[in-house]
Amino acid sequence: MPRRARITSAGVPHHVVQRGHNREATFFADEDYFAYRHSLKEGAQR
């Protein structure tokens, strides 16, 4: 059964947690982490 959609409101911040499968590492190099943060920042600005 799928999870219910989250309720979102414009202008309200969200707490984001990034985890890998079975809580394994998601980022293996600093470059991966910085690329993720860059993409996240661009999405937030849009």
PDB file of N, CA and C in Angstrom:
ATOM      1  N   MET A   1       0.855  -1.180   0.000  1.00  0.00           N
ATOM      2  CA  MET A   1       0.000   0.000   0.000  1.00  0.00           C
ATOM      3  C   MET A   1       0.898   1.238   0.000  1.00  0.00           C
ATOM      4  N   PRO A   2       0.713   2.128  -0.948  1.00  0.00           N
ATOM      5  CA  PRO A   2       1.582   3.308  -1.029  1.00  0.00           C
ATOM      6  C   PRO A   2       1.324   4.293   0.109  1.00  0.00           C
ATOM      7  N   ARG A   3       2.340   5.059   0.379  1.00  0.00           N
ATOM      8  CA  ARG A   3       2.258   6.108   1.400  1.00  0.00           C
ATOM      9  C   ARG A   3       1.364   7.236   0.912  1.00  0.00           C
ATOM     10  N   ARG A   4       0.620   7.843   1.806  1.00  0.00           N
ATOM     11  CA  ARG A   4      -0.213   8.988   1.431  1.00  0.00           C
ATOM     12  C   ARG A   4       0.671  10.175   1.050  1.00  0.00           C
ATOM     13  N   ALA A   5       0.193  10.980   0.129  1.00  0.00           N
ATOM     14  CA  ALA A   5       0.954  12.162  -0.309  1.00  0.00           C
ATOM     15  C   ALA A   5       1.103  13.142   0.849  1.00  0.00           C
ATOM     16  N   ARG A   6       2.267  13.797   0.909  1.00  0.00           N
ATOM     17  CA  ARG A   6       2.507  14.788   1.941  1.00  0.00           C
ATOM     18  C   ARG A   6       1.736  16.061   1.642  1.00  0.00           C
ATOM     19  N   ILE A   7       1.330  16.730   2.683  1.00  0.00           N
ATOM     20  CA  ILE A   7       0.666  18.020   2.542  1.00  0.00           C
ATOM     21  C   ILE A   7       1.755  19.083   2.506  1.00  0.00           C
ATOM     22  N   THR A   8       1.726  19.933   1.490  1.00  0.00           N
ATOM     23  CA  THR A   8       2.731  20.985   1.375  1.00  0.00           C
ATOM     24  C   THR A   8       2.049  22.344   1.313  1.00  0.00           C
ATOM     25  N   SER A   9       2.725  23.342   1.847  1.00  0.00           N
ATOM     26  CA  SER A   9       2.244  24.719   1.807  1.00  0.00           C
ATOM     27  C   SER A   9       3.379  25.608   1.324  1.00  0.00           C
ATOM     28  N   ALA A  10       3.067  26.536   0.457  1.00  0.00           N
ATOM     29  CA  ALA A  10       4.088  27.447  -0.065  1.00  0.00           C
ATOM     30  C   ALA A  10       4.693  28.263   1.074  1.00  0.00           C
ATOM     31  N   GLY A  11       6.008  28.406   1.060  1.00  0.00           N
ATOM     32  CA  GLY A  11       6.694  29.224   2.043  1.00  0.00           C
ATOM     33  C   GLY A  11       6.982  28.530   3.362  1.00  0.00           C
ATOM     34  N   VAL A  12       6.611  27.260   3.486  1.00  0.00           N
ATOM     35  CA  VAL A  12       6.857  26.517   4.719  1.00  0.00           C
ATOM     36  C   VAL A  12       8.041  25.579   4.484  1.00  0.00           C
ATOM     37  N   PRO A  13       9.101  25.682   5.293  1.00  0.00           N
ATOM     38  CA  PRO A  13      10.274  24.822   5.071  1.00  0.00           C
ATOM     39  C   PRO A  13       9.982  23.359   5.380  1.00  0.00           C
ATOM     40  N   HIS A  14      10.744  22.476   4.751  1.00  0.00           N
ATOM     41  CA  HIS A  14      10.617  21.037   4.955  1.00  0.00           C
ATOM     42  C   HIS A  14      11.935  20.486   5.464  1.00  0.00           C
ATOM     43  N   HIS A  15      11.864  19.487   6.314  1.00  0.00           N
ATOM     44  CA  HIS A  15      13.051  18.785   6.787  1.00  0.00           C
ATOM     45  C   HIS A  15      13.300  17.628   5.828  1.00  0.00           C
ATOM     46  N   VAL A  16      14.469  17.591   5.209  1.00  0.00           N
ATOM     47  CA  VAL A  16      14.782  16.569   4.209  1.00  0.00           C
ATOM     48  C   VAL A  16      15.883  15.666   4.756  1.00  0.00           C
ATOM     49  N   VAL A  17      15.675  14.359   4.660  1.00  0.00           N
ATOM     50  CA  VAL A  17      16.677  13.382   5.077  1.00  0.00           C
ATOM     51  C   VAL A  17      16.998  12.515   3.870  1.00  0.00           C
ATOM     52  N   GLN A  18      18.262  12.371   3.552  1.00  0.00           N
ATOM     53  CA  GLN A  18      18.681  11.544   2.423  1.00  0.00           C
ATOM     54  C   GLN A  18      19.336  10.280   2.975  1.00  0.00           C
ATOM     55  N   ARG A  19      18.733   9.127   2.664  1.00  0.00           N
ATOM     56  CA  ARG A  19      19.291   7.852   3.106  1.00  0.00           C
ATOM     57  C   ARG A  19      19.365   6.894   1.935  1.00  0.00           C
ATOM     58  N   GLY A  20      20.344   6.018   1.975  1.00  0.00           N
ATOM     59  CA  GLY A  20      20.451   4.970   0.976  1.00  0.00           C
ATOM     60  C   GLY A  20      19.580   3.789   1.355  1.00  0.00           C
ATOM     61  N   HIS A  21      19.524   2.801   0.506  1.00  0.00           N
ATOM     62  CA  HIS A  21      18.757   1.578   0.759  1.00  0.00           C
ATOM     63  C   HIS A  21      19.300   0.894   2.013  1.00  0.00           C
ATOM     64  N   ASN A  22      18.427   0.511   2.926  1.00  0.00           N
ATOM     65  CA  ASN A  22      18.812  -0.100   4.197  1.00  0.00           C
ATOM     66  C   ASN A  22      19.778   0.784   4.985  1.00  0.00           C
ATOM     67  N   ARG A  23      19.590   2.080   4.852  1.00  0.00           N
ATOM     68  CA  ARG A  23      20.409   3.097   5.539  1.00  0.00           C
ATOM     69  C   ARG A  23      21.894   3.018   5.202  1.00  0.00           C
ATOM     70  N   GLU A  24      22.193   2.497   4.025  1.00  0.00           N
ATOM     71  CA  GLU A  24      23.582   2.461   3.572  1.00  0.00           C
ATOM     72  C   GLU A  24      23.996   3.861   3.144  1.00  0.00           C
ATOM     73  N   ALA A  25      25.294   4.038   2.958  1.00  0.00           N
ATOM     74  CA  ALA A  25      25.821   5.338   2.541  1.00  0.00           C
ATOM     75  C   ALA A  25      25.217   5.749   1.193  1.00  0.00           C
ATOM     76  N   THR A  26      24.933   7.024   1.068  1.00  0.00           N
ATOM     77  CA  THR A  26      24.375   7.559  -0.174  1.00  0.00           C
ATOM     78  C   THR A  26      25.465   8.213  -1.007  1.00  0.00           C
ATOM     79  N   PHE A  27      26.383   8.866  -0.353  1.00  0.00           N
ATOM     80  CA  PHE A  27      27.450   9.589  -1.042  1.00  0.00           C
ATOM     81  C   PHE A  27      28.782   8.932  -0.720  1.00  0.00           C
ATOM     82  N   PHE A  28      29.533   8.604  -1.751  1.00  0.00           N
ATOM     83  CA  PHE A  28      30.802   7.914  -1.565  1.00  0.00           C
ATOM     84  C   PHE A  28      31.999   8.838  -1.789  1.00  0.00           C
ATOM     85  N   ALA A  29      31.752  10.018  -2.318  1.00  0.00           N
ATOM     86  CA  ALA A  29      32.818  10.993  -2.537  1.00  0.00           C
ATOM     87  C   ALA A  29      32.240  12.381  -2.291  1.00  0.00           C
ATOM     88  N   ASP A  30      33.085  13.302  -1.903  1.00  0.00           N
ATOM     89  CA  ASP A  30      32.644  14.667  -1.648  1.00  0.00           C
ATOM     90  C   ASP A  30      31.970  15.281  -2.875  1.00  0.00           C
ATOM     91  N   GLU A  31      32.466  14.932  -4.067  1.00  0.00           N
ATOM     92  CA  GLU A  31      31.897  15.483  -5.295  1.00  0.00           C
ATOM     93  C   GLU A  31      30.430  15.075  -5.460  1.00  0.00           C
ATOM     94  N   ASP A  32      30.104  13.847  -5.069  1.00  0.00           N
ATOM     95  CA  ASP A  32      28.720  13.381  -5.152  1.00  0.00           C
ATOM     96  C   ASP A  32      27.825  14.214  -4.244  1.00  0.00           C
ATOM     97  N   TYR A  33      28.296  14.458  -3.030  1.00  0.00           N
ATOM     98  CA  TYR A  33      27.532  15.233  -2.053  1.00  0.00           C
ATOM     99  C   TYR A  33      27.337  16.667  -2.533  1.00  0.00           C
ATOM    100  N   PHE A  34      28.397  17.270  -3.060  1.00  0.00           N
ATOM    101  CA  PHE A  34      28.297  18.653  -3.537  1.00  0.00           C
ATOM    102  C   PHE A  34      27.375  18.759  -4.747  1.00  0.00           C
ATOM    103  N   ALA A  35      27.395  17.771  -5.627  1.00  0.00           N
ATOM    104  CA  ALA A  35      26.485  17.771  -6.785  1.00  0.00           C
ATOM    105  C   ALA A  35      25.037  17.659  -6.314  1.00  0.00           C
ATOM    106  N   TYR A  36      24.782  16.827  -5.310  1.00  0.00           N
ATOM    107  CA  TYR A  36      23.437  16.684  -4.749  1.00  0.00           C
ATOM    108  C   TYR A  36      22.969  18.001  -4.146  1.00  0.00           C
ATOM    109  N   ARG A  37      23.830  18.635  -3.361  1.00  0.00           N
ATOM    110  CA  ARG A  37      23.456  19.909  -2.735  1.00  0.00           C
ATOM    111  C   ARG A  37      23.198  20.979  -3.779  1.00  0.00           C
ATOM    112  N   HIS A  38      23.979  20.982  -4.850  1.00  0.00           N
ATOM    113  CA  HIS A  38      23.789  21.955  -5.926  1.00  0.00           C
ATOM    114  C   HIS A  38      22.426  21.750  -6.588  1.00  0.00           C
ATOM    115  N   SER A  39      22.073  20.499  -6.876  1.00  0.00           N
ATOM    116  CA  SER A  39      20.775  20.201  -7.492  1.00  0.00           C
ATOM    117  C   SER A  39      19.624  20.574  -6.551  1.00  0.00           C
ATOM    118  N   LEU A  40      19.796  20.299  -5.274  1.00  0.00           N
ATOM    119  CA  LEU A  40      18.782  20.633  -4.289  1.00  0.00           C
ATOM    120  C   LEU A  40      18.580  22.146  -4.207  1.00  0.00           C
ATOM    121  N   LYS A  41      19.668  22.893  -4.247  1.00  0.00           N
ATOM    122  CA  LYS A  41      19.592  24.358  -4.191  1.00  0.00           C
ATOM    123  C   LYS A  41      18.864  24.903  -5.422  1.00  0.00           C
ATOM    124  N   GLU A  42      19.200  24.366  -6.611  1.00  0.00           N
ATOM    125  CA  GLU A  42      18.537  24.829  -7.829  1.00  0.00           C
ATOM    126  C   GLU A  42      17.041  24.551  -7.778  1.00  0.00           C
ATOM    127  N   GLY A  43      16.662  23.375  -7.298  1.00  0.00           N
ATOM    128  CA  GLY A  43      15.251  23.039  -7.186  1.00  0.00           C
ATOM    129  C   GLY A  43      14.527  23.950  -6.198  1.00  0.00           C
ATOM    130  N   ALA A  44      15.190  24.279  -5.110  1.00  0.00           N
ATOM    131  CA  ALA A  44      14.574  25.155  -4.098  1.00  0.00           C
ATOM    132  C   ALA A  44      14.371  26.565  -4.651  1.00  0.00           C
ATOM    133  N   GLN A  45      15.296  27.031  -5.479  1.00  0.00           N
ATOM    134  CA  GLN A  45      15.177  28.368  -6.042  1.00  0.00           C
ATOM    135  C   GLN A  45      14.035  28.463  -7.052  1.00  0.00           C
ATOM    136  N   ARG A  46      13.747  27.357  -7.726  1.00  0.00           N
ATOM    137  CA  ARG A  46      12.633  27.337  -8.692  1.00  0.00           C
ATOM    138  C   ARG A  46      11.320  27.391  -7.941  1.00  0.00           C
TER     139      ARG A  46
END
